[in-house]
Amino acid sequence: MPVADIDLPVATSLLLQQVRSCTLCAPHLPLGVRPVLQVHPAARILVVGQAPGIKVHNSGIPFDDASGERLREWMGIPREVFYEPTQVAIVPMGFCYPGTGTSGDLPPRPECAPRWRQEVLAQMPKIALTLVIGQYAQAWHLPKSNNSSVTLTVQRWEEFAPAVIPLPHPSPRNNIWLKRNPWFAQTLLPQLKGLVASALA
């Protein structure tokens, strides 16, 4: 049983069973269906990623890779807090690994969010802070970003704070972006750690 399914209300448990039985995108998934998410009605922080990578697909644990290590550093929390579903929910835009393209993983499958997203998020009424990672998550959760680039959206983070914080993807592929944008570590990350601590207090 996934850790996020422990001590869940019946309605939430049934919904997650439906999500994990979904085959809507199956014909397009090179490794088959394996939704990866962490949900609990008591969660205070919502982490919105893109879609699982191949390592996460294999383990079934969200952000169980180098991106997750960096994200936890950004948030200022240890692994055991990150994977405590009553504290942190993890709901990517696409629940299953979409496959790899010419320049990295493919985008989240477009069928997933319209089918499941609102219903899953409705199970978590206590979310105090949402971390929105990457362009697909930001397009859905921050419609006022006017389809800006990730860089411009993250630069405007104060417009969305304190309830929502846009972030670049923590993947090692973004090391060049981080070097080109030192303000992110100097200005945004200290504020992010404070917001995370407040949400979990």
C-alpha atoms as a PDB file:
ATOM      1  CA  MET A   1       0.000   0.000   0.000  1.00  0.00           C
ATOM      2  CA  PRO A   2       1.414   3.440  -0.921  1.00  0.00           C
ATOM      3  CA  VAL A   3       2.326   5.578   2.070  1.00  0.00           C
ATOM      4  CA  ALA A   4      -0.205   8.241   1.019  1.00  0.00           C
ATOM      5  CA  ASP A   5      -3.039   5.699   1.362  1.00  0.00           C
ATOM      6  CA  ILE A   6      -2.518   5.171   5.090  1.00  0.00           C
ATOM      7  CA  ASP A   7      -5.408   6.370   7.280  1.00  0.00           C
ATOM      8  CA  LEU A   8      -7.268   8.004   4.413  1.00  0.00           C
ATOM      9  CA  PRO A   9     -10.966   8.862   4.504  1.00  0.00           C
ATOM     10  CA  VAL A  10     -13.047   6.464   2.440  1.00  0.00           C
ATOM     11  CA  ALA A  11     -13.818   9.032  -0.286  1.00  0.00           C
ATOM     12  CA  THR A  12     -10.151   9.889  -0.803  1.00  0.00           C
ATOM     13  CA  SER A  13      -9.115   6.250  -0.776  1.00  0.00           C
ATOM     14  CA  LEU A  14     -11.736   5.354  -3.377  1.00  0.00           C
ATOM     15  CA  LEU A  15     -10.668   8.261  -5.585  1.00  0.00           C
ATOM     16  CA  LEU A  16      -7.027   7.168  -5.466  1.00  0.00           C
ATOM     17  CA  GLN A  17      -8.086   3.638  -6.382  1.00  0.00           C
ATOM     18  CA  GLN A  18      -9.843   5.078  -9.424  1.00  0.00           C
ATOM     19  CA  VAL A  19      -6.781   7.147 -10.352  1.00  0.00           C
ATOM     20  CA  ARG A  20      -4.513   4.120 -10.117  1.00  0.00           C
ATOM     21  CA  SER A  21      -6.897   2.105 -12.272  1.00  0.00           C
ATOM     22  CA  CYS A  22      -7.064   4.770 -14.992  1.00  0.00           C
ATOM     23  CA  THR A  23      -6.049   3.675 -18.492  1.00  0.00           C
ATOM     24  CA  LEU A  24      -6.947   6.879 -20.339  1.00  0.00           C
ATOM     25  CA  CYS A  25      -3.374   7.487 -21.527  1.00  0.00           C
ATOM     26  CA  ALA A  26      -2.268   3.839 -21.674  1.00  0.00           C
ATOM     27  CA  PRO A  27      -1.815   3.686 -25.470  1.00  0.00           C
ATOM     28  CA  HIS A  28       0.684   6.567 -25.263  1.00  0.00           C
ATOM     29  CA  LEU A  29       2.754   5.421 -22.259  1.00  0.00           C
ATOM     30  CA  PRO A  30       5.914   3.517 -23.268  1.00  0.00           C
ATOM     31  CA  LEU A  31       6.294   1.813 -19.881  1.00  0.00           C
ATOM     32  CA  GLY A  32       2.612   1.421 -19.131  1.00  0.00           C
ATOM     33  CA  VAL A  33       0.339   2.892 -16.478  1.00  0.00           C
ATOM     34  CA  ARG A  34       1.823   3.702 -13.069  1.00  0.00           C
ATOM     35  CA  PRO A  35       0.332   6.843 -11.493  1.00  0.00           C
ATOM     36  CA  VAL A  36       2.640   8.370  -8.881  1.00  0.00           C
ATOM     37  CA  LEU A  37       1.167  10.861  -6.415  1.00  0.00           C
ATOM     38  CA  GLN A  38       0.906  11.515  -2.668  1.00  0.00           C
ATOM     39  CA  VAL A  39      -2.407  12.753  -1.274  1.00  0.00           C
ATOM     40  CA  HIS A  40      -3.888  13.260   2.184  1.00  0.00           C
ATOM     41  CA  PRO A  41      -6.676  15.611   3.366  1.00  0.00           C
ATOM     42  CA  ALA A  42      -4.467  16.903   6.204  1.00  0.00           C
ATOM     43  CA  ALA A  43      -1.616  18.015   3.916  1.00  0.00           C
ATOM     44  CA  ARG A  44      -0.464  21.610   4.337  1.00  0.00           C
ATOM     45  CA  ILE A  45       1.869  21.931   1.339  1.00  0.00           C
ATOM     46  CA  LEU A  46       1.106  20.941  -2.240  1.00  0.00           C
ATOM     47  CA  VAL A  47       4.003  20.221  -4.603  1.00  0.00           C
ATOM     48  CA  VAL A  48       2.963  20.408  -8.257  1.00  0.00           C
ATOM     49  CA  GLY A  49       5.495  18.900 -10.641  1.00  0.00           C
ATOM     50  CA  GLN A  50       5.348  18.001 -14.313  1.00  0.00           C
ATOM     51  CA  ALA A  51       5.253  14.195 -14.594  1.00  0.00           C
ATOM     52  CA  PRO A  52       7.269  11.308 -13.137  1.00  0.00           C
ATOM     53  CA  GLY A  53      10.657  10.551 -14.660  1.00  0.00           C
ATOM     54  CA  ILE A  54      11.790   7.018 -15.379  1.00  0.00           C
ATOM     55  CA  LYS A  55      13.437   6.570 -11.964  1.00  0.00           C
ATOM     56  CA  VAL A  56      10.247   7.654 -10.209  1.00  0.00           C
ATOM     57  CA  HIS A  57       8.226   5.366 -12.478  1.00  0.00           C
ATOM     58  CA  ASN A  58      10.418   2.452 -11.437  1.00  0.00           C
ATOM     59  CA  SER A  59      10.306   3.192  -7.700  1.00  0.00           C
ATOM     60  CA  GLY A  60       6.754   4.510  -7.455  1.00  0.00           C
ATOM     61  CA  ILE A  61       8.017   7.245  -5.100  1.00  0.00           C
ATOM     62  CA  PRO A  62       7.533  10.875  -6.217  1.00  0.00           C
ATOM     63  CA  PHE A  63      10.700  12.965  -6.613  1.00  0.00           C
ATOM     64  CA  ASP A  64      12.815   9.941  -5.773  1.00  0.00           C
ATOM     65  CA  ASP A  65      15.738  11.292  -7.798  1.00  0.00           C
ATOM     66  CA  ALA A  66      18.285  14.114  -7.991  1.00  0.00           C
ATOM     67  CA  SER A  67      15.494  16.623  -8.659  1.00  0.00           C
ATOM     68  CA  GLY A  68      13.836  15.588  -5.412  1.00  0.00           C
ATOM     69  CA  GLU A  69      17.040  16.016  -3.456  1.00  0.00           C
ATOM     70  CA  ARG A  70      17.442  19.554  -4.743  1.00  0.00           C
ATOM     71  CA  LEU A  71      13.764  20.377  -4.188  1.00  0.00           C
ATOM     72  CA  ARG A  72      13.991  19.272  -0.554  1.00  0.00           C
ATOM     73  CA  GLU A  73      17.067  21.478  -0.148  1.00  0.00           C
ATOM     74  CA  TRP A  74      15.147  24.413  -1.598  1.00  0.00           C
ATOM     75  CA  MET A  75      12.273  23.758   0.818  1.00  0.00           C
ATOM     76  CA  GLY A  76      14.564  23.266   3.794  1.00  0.00           C
ATOM     77  CA  ILE A  77      12.973  19.999   4.903  1.00  0.00           C
ATOM     78  CA  PRO A  78      14.330  16.451   5.306  1.00  0.00           C
ATOM     79  CA  ARG A  79      13.202  13.456   3.308  1.00  0.00           C
ATOM     80  CA  GLU A  80      11.029  12.091   6.135  1.00  0.00           C
ATOM     81  CA  VAL A  81       8.957  15.296   6.256  1.00  0.00           C
ATOM     82  CA  PHE A  82       8.682  15.486   2.459  1.00  0.00           C
ATOM     83  CA  TYR A  83       7.255  11.966   2.356  1.00  0.00           C
ATOM     84  CA  GLU A  84       4.864  12.471   5.269  1.00  0.00           C
ATOM     85  CA  PRO A  85       1.536  12.720   3.393  1.00  0.00           C
ATOM     86  CA  THR A  86      -0.230  14.531   6.242  1.00  0.00           C
ATOM     87  CA  GLN A  87       2.323  17.329   5.724  1.00  0.00           C
ATOM     88  CA  VAL A  88       3.185  17.361   2.010  1.00  0.00           C
ATOM     89  CA  ALA A  89       1.011  16.387  -0.957  1.00  0.00           C
ATOM     90  CA  ILE A  90       2.665  15.700  -4.316  1.00  0.00           C
ATOM     91  CA  VAL A  91       0.352  15.900  -7.319  1.00  0.00           C
ATOM     92  CA  PRO A  92       2.073  16.262 -10.717  1.00  0.00           C
ATOM     93  CA  MET A  93       0.313  17.522 -13.841  1.00  0.00           C
ATOM     94  CA  GLY A  94       0.617  14.064 -15.347  1.00  0.00           C
ATOM     95  CA  PHE A  95       0.524  11.073 -13.011  1.00  0.00           C
ATOM     96  CA  CYS A  96       2.409   8.632 -15.262  1.00  0.00           C
ATOM     97  CA  TYR A  97       5.815   8.640 -16.959  1.00  0.00           C
ATOM     98  CA  PRO A  98       5.174  10.035 -20.476  1.00  0.00           C
ATOM     99  CA  GLY A  99       8.334   8.781 -22.163  1.00  0.00           C
ATOM    100  CA  THR A 100      11.475  10.487 -23.433  1.00  0.00           C
ATOM    101  CA  GLY A 101      11.827  12.873 -26.366  1.00  0.00           C
ATOM    102  CA  THR A 102      14.828  14.349 -28.147  1.00  0.00           C
ATOM    103  CA  SER A 103      15.666  16.797 -25.346  1.00  0.00           C
ATOM    104  CA  GLY A 104      14.505  15.025 -22.203  1.00  0.00           C
ATOM    105  CA  ASP A 105      11.237  13.651 -20.896  1.00  0.00           C
ATOM    106  CA  LEU A 106       8.094  14.364 -22.872  1.00  0.00           C
ATOM    107  CA  PRO A 107       5.444  16.776 -21.491  1.00  0.00           C
ATOM    108  CA  PRO A 108       2.751  15.446 -19.163  1.00  0.00           C
ATOM    109  CA  ARG A 109       0.012  13.678 -21.062  1.00  0.00           C
ATOM    110  CA  PRO A 110      -2.725  16.262 -21.801  1.00  0.00           C
ATOM    111  CA  GLU A 111      -5.554  13.896 -20.887  1.00  0.00           C
ATOM    112  CA  CYS A 112      -4.577  13.547 -17.228  1.00  0.00           C
ATOM    113  CA  ALA A 113      -5.181  16.966 -15.670  1.00  0.00           C
ATOM    114  CA  PRO A 114      -8.659  17.623 -17.162  1.00  0.00           C
ATOM    115  CA  ARG A 115      -9.816  14.181 -16.035  1.00  0.00           C
ATOM    116  CA  TRP A 116      -8.464  14.061 -12.484  1.00  0.00           C
ATOM    117  CA  ARG A 117      -6.908  17.287 -11.251  1.00  0.00           C
ATOM    118  CA  GLN A 118      -9.833  19.197  -9.753  1.00  0.00           C
ATOM    119  CA  GLU A 119     -11.248  16.088  -8.104  1.00  0.00           C
ATOM    120  CA  VAL A 120      -7.918  15.173  -6.494  1.00  0.00           C
ATOM    121  CA  LEU A 121      -7.134  18.707  -5.309  1.00  0.00           C
ATOM    122  CA  ALA A 122     -10.609  18.986  -3.788  1.00  0.00           C
ATOM    123  CA  GLN A 123      -9.583  16.247  -1.343  1.00  0.00           C
ATOM    124  CA  MET A 124      -7.061  18.593   0.311  1.00  0.00           C
ATOM    125  CA  PRO A 125      -8.812  21.604   1.865  1.00  0.00           C
ATOM    126  CA  LYS A 126      -5.989  22.491   4.280  1.00  0.00           C
ATOM    127  CA  ILE A 127      -3.300  23.370   1.732  1.00  0.00           C
ATOM    128  CA  ALA A 128      -1.599  26.592   2.846  1.00  0.00           C
ATOM    129  CA  LEU A 129       1.248  26.696   0.317  1.00  0.00           C
ATOM    130  CA  THR A 130       1.450  25.439  -3.264  1.00  0.00           C
ATOM    131  CA  LEU A 131       4.787  25.066  -5.062  1.00  0.00           C
ATOM    132  CA  VAL A 132       4.258  25.212  -8.819  1.00  0.00           C
ATOM    133  CA  ILE A 133       7.184  23.730 -10.719  1.00  0.00           C
ATOM    134  CA  GLY A 134       7.775  24.280 -14.427  1.00  0.00           C
ATOM    135  CA  GLN A 135       5.794  25.621 -17.350  1.00  0.00           C
ATOM    136  CA  TYR A 136       2.953  23.085 -17.526  1.00  0.00           C
ATOM    137  CA  ALA A 137       2.169  23.363 -13.819  1.00  0.00           C
ATOM    138  CA  GLN A 138       2.370  27.149 -13.970  1.00  0.00           C
ATOM    139  CA  ALA A 139       0.072  27.361 -16.993  1.00  0.00           C
ATOM    140  CA  TRP A 140      -2.597  25.422 -15.055  1.00  0.00           C
ATOM    141  CA  HIS A 141      -2.221  26.884 -11.566  1.00  0.00           C
ATOM    142  CA  LEU A 142      -1.205  30.454 -12.478  1.00  0.00           C
ATOM    143  CA  PRO A 143      -3.441  31.517 -15.373  1.00  0.00           C
ATOM    144  CA  LYS A 144      -2.609  35.160 -14.535  1.00  0.00           C
ATOM    145  CA  SER A 145       0.982  34.493 -15.576  1.00  0.00           C
ATOM    146  CA  ASN A 146      -0.261  35.120 -19.135  1.00  0.00           C
ATOM    147  CA  ASN A 147       1.770  32.232 -20.540  1.00  0.00           C
ATOM    148  CA  SER A 148       5.013  33.931 -19.536  1.00  0.00           C
ATOM    149  CA  SER A 149       8.246  31.970 -19.637  1.00  0.00           C
ATOM    150  CA  VAL A 150       9.230  30.092 -16.508  1.00  0.00           C
ATOM    151  CA  THR A 151      11.944  32.675 -15.839  1.00  0.00           C
ATOM    152  CA  LEU A 152       9.537  35.608 -16.010  1.00  0.00           C
ATOM    153  CA  THR A 153       6.934  33.812 -13.906  1.00  0.00           C
ATOM    154  CA  VAL A 154       9.466  32.920 -11.221  1.00  0.00           C
ATOM    155  CA  GLN A 155      10.791  36.488 -11.249  1.00  0.00           C
ATOM    156  CA  ARG A 156       7.217  37.630 -10.476  1.00  0.00           C
ATOM    157  CA  TRP A 157       6.902  35.232  -7.529  1.00  0.00           C
ATOM    158  CA  GLU A 158       5.935  37.985  -5.090  1.00  0.00           C
ATOM    159  CA  GLU A 159       2.714  38.552  -7.071  1.00  0.00           C
ATOM    160  CA  PHE A 160       1.593  35.022  -6.197  1.00  0.00           C
ATOM    161  CA  ALA A 161       3.010  34.734  -2.674  1.00  0.00           C
ATOM    162  CA  PRO A 162       2.391  33.749   0.039  1.00  0.00           C
ATOM    163  CA  ALA A 163      -0.115  31.083  -1.051  1.00  0.00           C
ATOM    164  CA  VAL A 164       1.608  30.046  -4.281  1.00  0.00           C
ATOM    165  CA  ILE A 165       5.284  30.060  -5.263  1.00  0.00           C
ATOM    166  CA  PRO A 166       6.370  29.355  -8.860  1.00  0.00           C
ATOM    167  CA  LEU A 167       9.662  27.503  -9.209  1.00  0.00           C
ATOM    168  CA  PRO A 168      11.929  26.327 -12.008  1.00  0.00           C
ATOM    169  CA  HIS A 169      12.395  22.590 -12.274  1.00  0.00           C
ATOM    170  CA  PRO A 170      15.006  21.390  -9.757  1.00  0.00           C
ATOM    171  CA  SER A 171      16.501  18.994 -12.304  1.00  0.00           C
ATOM    172  CA  PRO A 172      20.289  19.000 -12.788  1.00  0.00           C
ATOM    173  CA  ARG A 173      19.450  19.971 -16.377  1.00  0.00           C
ATOM    174  CA  ASN A 174      18.671  23.430 -14.964  1.00  0.00           C
ATOM    175  CA  ASN A 175      22.141  24.043 -13.498  1.00  0.00           C
ATOM    176  CA  ILE A 176      22.885  26.599 -16.227  1.00  0.00           C
ATOM    177  CA  TRP A 177      19.622  28.429 -15.463  1.00  0.00           C
ATOM    178  CA  LEU A 178      20.532  28.593 -11.788  1.00  0.00           C
ATOM    179  CA  LYS A 179      23.963  30.028 -12.591  1.00  0.00           C
ATOM    180  CA  ARG A 180      22.417  32.640 -14.872  1.00  0.00           C
ATOM    181  CA  ASN A 181      19.852  33.639 -12.254  1.00  0.00           C
ATOM    182  CA  PRO A 182      21.704  33.999  -8.930  1.00  0.00           C
ATOM    183  CA  TRP A 183      18.833  36.094  -7.543  1.00  0.00           C
ATOM    184  CA  PHE A 184      16.819  32.874  -7.245  1.00  0.00           C
ATOM    185  CA  ALA A 185      19.068  31.435  -4.531  1.00  0.00           C
ATOM    186  CA  GLN A 186      19.805  34.790  -2.955  1.00  0.00           C
ATOM    187  CA  THR A 187      16.265  36.192  -2.783  1.00  0.00           C
ATOM    188  CA  LEU A 188      13.569  33.609  -3.391  1.00  0.00           C
ATOM    189  CA  LEU A 189      14.923  30.529  -1.617  1.00  0.00           C
ATOM    190  CA  PRO A 190      15.257  32.143   1.841  1.00  0.00           C
ATOM    191  CA  GLN A 191      11.637  33.293   1.537  1.00  0.00           C
ATOM    192  CA  LEU A 192      10.560  29.857   0.335  1.00  0.00           C
ATOM    193  CA  LYS A 193      12.121  28.140   3.346  1.00  0.00           C
ATOM    194  CA  GLY A 194      10.299  30.538   5.635  1.00  0.00           C
ATOM    195  CA  LEU A 195       6.952  29.933   3.928  1.00  0.00           C
ATOM    196  CA  VAL A 196       7.441  26.166   4.106  1.00  0.00           C
ATOM    197  CA  ALA A 197       8.268  26.351   7.819  1.00  0.00           C
ATOM    198  CA  SER A 198       5.198  28.511   8.467  1.00  0.00           C
ATOM    199  CA  ALA A 199       2.894  26.190   6.543  1.00  0.00           C
ATOM    200  CA  LEU A 200       4.117  23.163   8.480  1.00  0.00           C
ATOM    201  CA  ALA A 201       4.143  24.853  11.896  1.00  0.00           C
END
